[in-house]
Amino acid sequence: MQVIVNANVEALQKIIELIRIASGTSYHKTPPTGGSTIGRHVRHVLDHFDALKTGLAKGKIDYDQRHRDCVIETDARLATTHTKSIIDWLLKHAKTDKALNIKTEVSAVLQQPQTVSSSLKRELVYLMNHTIHHSAYTALLLKSFGEVVDESIGLAPATQIYLNSQHLKEVS
């Protein structure tokens, strides 16, 4: 369990790094292609962790009940503080696996939310991958604004391991 918690902490620390890079106007600047701002991606990631925090004690997580359009989208300092509080919460409260029910909308057309069985461990794996996915978008946005971003941010762990192995082959 601790390995998965640590992986989430690592992913959230990369979010903090992205917020730091974007802390000027880039954080809430609309991308040239339109779409979500960096702040909106960050808020979206944090909302998912907040949904886990809110539902964990009850054993029922509802990822559709999110804050959307809150001040975290425009305030990089608040986003950093909130990300750090989620890291602290994970380290204190995500120590043992637990059965969970996940409620989520699966179709905008059908509009029939579904509940599925899961576990804390599985949801933490989902949140880690979700965070990495949005980190990739955020890194691309920062690059489009002319910022320099570590190339490893936004890469899945398996991809990083593969690329590292290829680099080692080239060196030897």
Protein backbone atom coordinates (compact mmCIF):
# COMPACT_ATOMS: atom_id res chain seq x y z
CA MET A 1 0.00 0.00 0.00
CA GLN A 2 2.80 2.40 0.91
CA VAL A 3 4.35 2.09 -2.57
CA ILE A 4 1.09 3.26 -4.16
CA VAL A 5 0.71 6.09 -1.65
CA ASN A 6 4.29 7.18 -2.37
CA ALA A 7 3.58 7.10 -6.12
CA ASN A 8 0.63 9.45 -5.56
CA VAL A 9 2.80 11.74 -3.45
CA GLU A 10 5.37 11.80 -6.27
CA ALA A 11 2.67 12.63 -8.84
CA LEU A 12 1.29 15.41 -6.61
CA GLN A 13 4.78 16.82 -6.06
CA LYS A 14 5.06 17.11 -9.84
CA ILE A 15 1.76 19.02 -9.81
CA ILE A 16 3.35 21.40 -7.28
CA GLU A 17 6.33 21.81 -9.61
CA LEU A 18 4.02 22.58 -12.55
CA ILE A 19 2.11 25.12 -10.44
CA ARG A 20 5.45 26.74 -9.51
CA ILE A 21 6.43 27.05 -13.18
CA ALA A 22 3.00 28.46 -14.04
CA SER A 23 2.61 30.70 -11.00
CA GLY A 24 2.57 33.90 -13.05
CA THR A 25 -0.21 34.58 -15.52
CA SER A 26 0.35 31.18 -17.18
CA TYR A 27 -1.58 29.50 -14.36
CA HIS A 28 -4.91 30.97 -15.39
CA LYS A 29 -4.13 31.96 -18.98
CA THR A 30 -6.37 30.51 -21.69
CA PRO A 31 -4.29 28.34 -24.06
CA PRO A 32 -3.83 29.56 -27.65
CA THR A 33 -5.89 26.60 -28.86
CA GLY A 34 -8.69 27.24 -26.35
CA GLY A 35 -9.73 24.69 -23.76
CA SER A 36 -8.85 24.32 -20.11
CA THR A 37 -6.35 26.49 -18.30
CA ILE A 38 -3.54 25.02 -16.22
CA GLY A 39 -5.48 26.04 -13.12
CA ARG A 40 -8.52 24.12 -14.32
CA HIS A 41 -6.44 20.96 -14.86
CA VAL A 42 -4.96 21.32 -11.38
CA ARG A 43 -8.37 21.91 -9.80
CA HIS A 44 -9.76 18.86 -11.63
CA VAL A 45 -6.99 16.62 -10.26
CA LEU A 46 -7.40 17.94 -6.72
CA ASP A 47 -11.18 17.54 -6.89
CA HIS A 48 -10.71 13.82 -7.48
CA PHE A 49 -8.50 13.47 -4.41
CA ASP A 50 -11.04 15.52 -2.43
CA ALA A 51 -13.79 13.13 -3.53
CA LEU A 52 -11.72 10.23 -2.20
CA LYS A 53 -11.15 12.06 1.09
CA THR A 54 -14.85 12.90 1.43
CA GLY A 55 -16.13 9.42 0.73
CA LEU A 56 -13.47 7.19 2.28
CA ALA A 57 -15.00 7.04 5.77
CA LYS A 58 -18.39 6.08 4.29
CA GLY A 59 -16.83 3.63 1.84
CA LYS A 60 -18.55 5.38 -1.09
CA ILE A 61 -16.68 7.66 -3.49
CA ASP A 62 -18.56 9.92 -5.92
CA TYR A 63 -16.15 11.46 -8.42
CA ASP A 64 -18.99 13.41 -10.04
CA GLN A 65 -19.53 15.56 -6.94
CA ARG A 66 -16.69 18.02 -7.50
CA HIS A 67 -16.19 21.72 -6.74
CA ARG A 68 -15.65 22.91 -10.34
CA ASP A 69 -14.92 26.57 -11.06
CA CYS A 70 -13.49 27.31 -7.62
CA VAL A 71 -10.73 29.77 -6.69
CA ILE A 72 -8.06 27.03 -7.01
CA GLU A 73 -8.37 27.52 -10.77
CA THR A 74 -7.00 31.07 -10.52
CA ASP A 75 -4.94 31.09 -7.32
CA ALA A 76 -1.67 29.16 -7.72
CA ARG A 77 -0.67 29.70 -4.08
CA LEU A 78 -3.93 28.21 -2.83
CA ALA A 79 -3.54 25.30 -5.27
CA THR A 80 -0.07 24.57 -3.89
CA THR A 81 -1.30 24.71 -0.30
CA HIS A 82 -4.23 22.42 -1.09
CA THR A 83 -1.98 19.95 -2.93
CA LYS A 84 0.33 19.80 0.10
CA SER A 85 -2.66 19.16 2.38
CA ILE A 86 -3.73 16.25 0.17
CA ILE A 87 -0.21 14.81 0.38
CA ASP A 88 -0.32 15.09 4.18
CA TRP A 89 -3.76 13.44 4.24
CA LEU A 90 -2.59 10.55 2.04
CA LEU A 91 0.42 9.89 4.25
CA LYS A 92 -1.74 9.83 7.37
CA HIS A 93 -4.95 8.14 6.20
CA ALA A 94 -4.21 5.84 3.26
CA LYS A 95 -2.38 3.16 5.22
CA THR A 96 -4.54 0.06 4.68
CA ASP A 97 -6.64 -1.14 1.80
CA LYS A 98 -10.40 -0.94 2.14
CA ALA A 99 -13.38 -2.03 0.05
CA LEU A 100 -15.13 0.90 -1.63
CA ASN A 101 -18.12 1.57 -3.83
CA ILE A 102 -17.55 4.06 -6.64
CA LYS A 103 -20.48 6.03 -8.01
CA THR A 104 -19.96 7.68 -11.37
CA GLU A 105 -21.81 8.80 -14.45
CA VAL A 106 -20.78 6.64 -17.40
CA SER A 107 -22.75 8.29 -20.21
CA ALA A 108 -23.85 11.86 -20.82
CA VAL A 109 -26.53 10.47 -23.16
CA LEU A 110 -28.00 7.80 -20.88
CA GLN A 111 -27.51 9.76 -17.63
CA GLN A 112 -27.68 6.71 -15.40
CA PRO A 113 -24.95 6.83 -12.75
CA GLN A 114 -23.45 3.45 -11.96
CA THR A 115 -21.97 2.10 -8.75
CA VAL A 116 -19.06 -0.32 -8.99
CA SER A 117 -17.01 -2.18 -6.41
CA SER A 118 -13.41 -1.16 -5.94
CA SER A 119 -10.79 -0.72 -3.24
CA LEU A 120 -8.71 2.09 -1.84
CA LYS A 121 -5.62 0.57 -3.45
CA ARG A 122 -7.29 0.46 -6.88
CA GLU A 123 -8.59 4.02 -6.56
CA LEU A 124 -5.15 5.28 -5.59
CA VAL A 125 -3.73 3.65 -8.74
CA TYR A 126 -6.50 5.39 -10.73
CA LEU A 127 -5.76 8.75 -9.08
CA MET A 128 -2.04 8.40 -9.74
CA ASN A 129 -2.64 7.69 -13.44
CA HIS A 130 -5.23 10.46 -13.65
CA THR A 131 -2.78 12.92 -12.07
CA ILE A 132 0.00 11.92 -14.47
CA HIS A 133 -2.40 12.27 -17.42
CA HIS A 134 -3.33 15.84 -16.44
CA SER A 135 0.31 16.62 -15.68
CA ALA A 136 1.08 15.77 -19.32
CA TYR A 137 -1.57 18.23 -20.51
CA THR A 138 -0.30 20.87 -18.12
CA ALA A 139 3.30 20.37 -19.25
CA LEU A 140 2.21 20.79 -22.89
CA LEU A 141 0.37 23.98 -22.02
CA LEU A 142 3.39 25.37 -20.21
CA LYS A 143 5.60 24.56 -23.20
CA SER A 144 3.11 26.34 -25.48
CA PHE A 145 3.59 29.41 -23.25
CA GLY A 146 7.36 29.17 -23.71
CA GLU A 147 8.15 27.61 -20.33
CA VAL A 148 10.76 24.88 -19.80
CA VAL A 149 9.36 21.70 -18.24
CA ASP A 150 11.15 18.51 -17.20
CA GLU A 151 10.55 15.95 -19.97
CA SER A 152 9.69 13.23 -17.44
CA ILE A 153 6.62 15.09 -16.15
CA GLY A 154 3.50 13.52 -17.57
CA LEU A 155 5.11 10.19 -18.47
CA ALA A 156 3.62 7.01 -17.05
CA PRO A 157 6.00 5.03 -14.81
CA ALA A 158 6.23 2.17 -17.33
CA THR A 159 7.10 4.64 -20.10
CA GLN A 160 9.81 6.25 -17.96
CA ILE A 161 11.31 2.83 -17.18
CA TYR A 162 11.25 1.87 -20.86
CA LEU A 163 12.87 5.13 -21.98
CA ASN A 164 15.53 4.83 -19.28
CA SER A 165 16.34 1.29 -20.42
CA GLN A 166 16.66 2.49 -24.02
CA HIS A 167 18.98 5.28 -22.94
CA LEU A 168 21.16 2.78 -21.06
CA LYS A 169 21.38 0.63 -24.20
CA GLU A 170 22.51 3.67 -26.21
CA VAL A 171 25.17 4.56 -23.65
CA SER A 172 26.69 1.07 -23.40
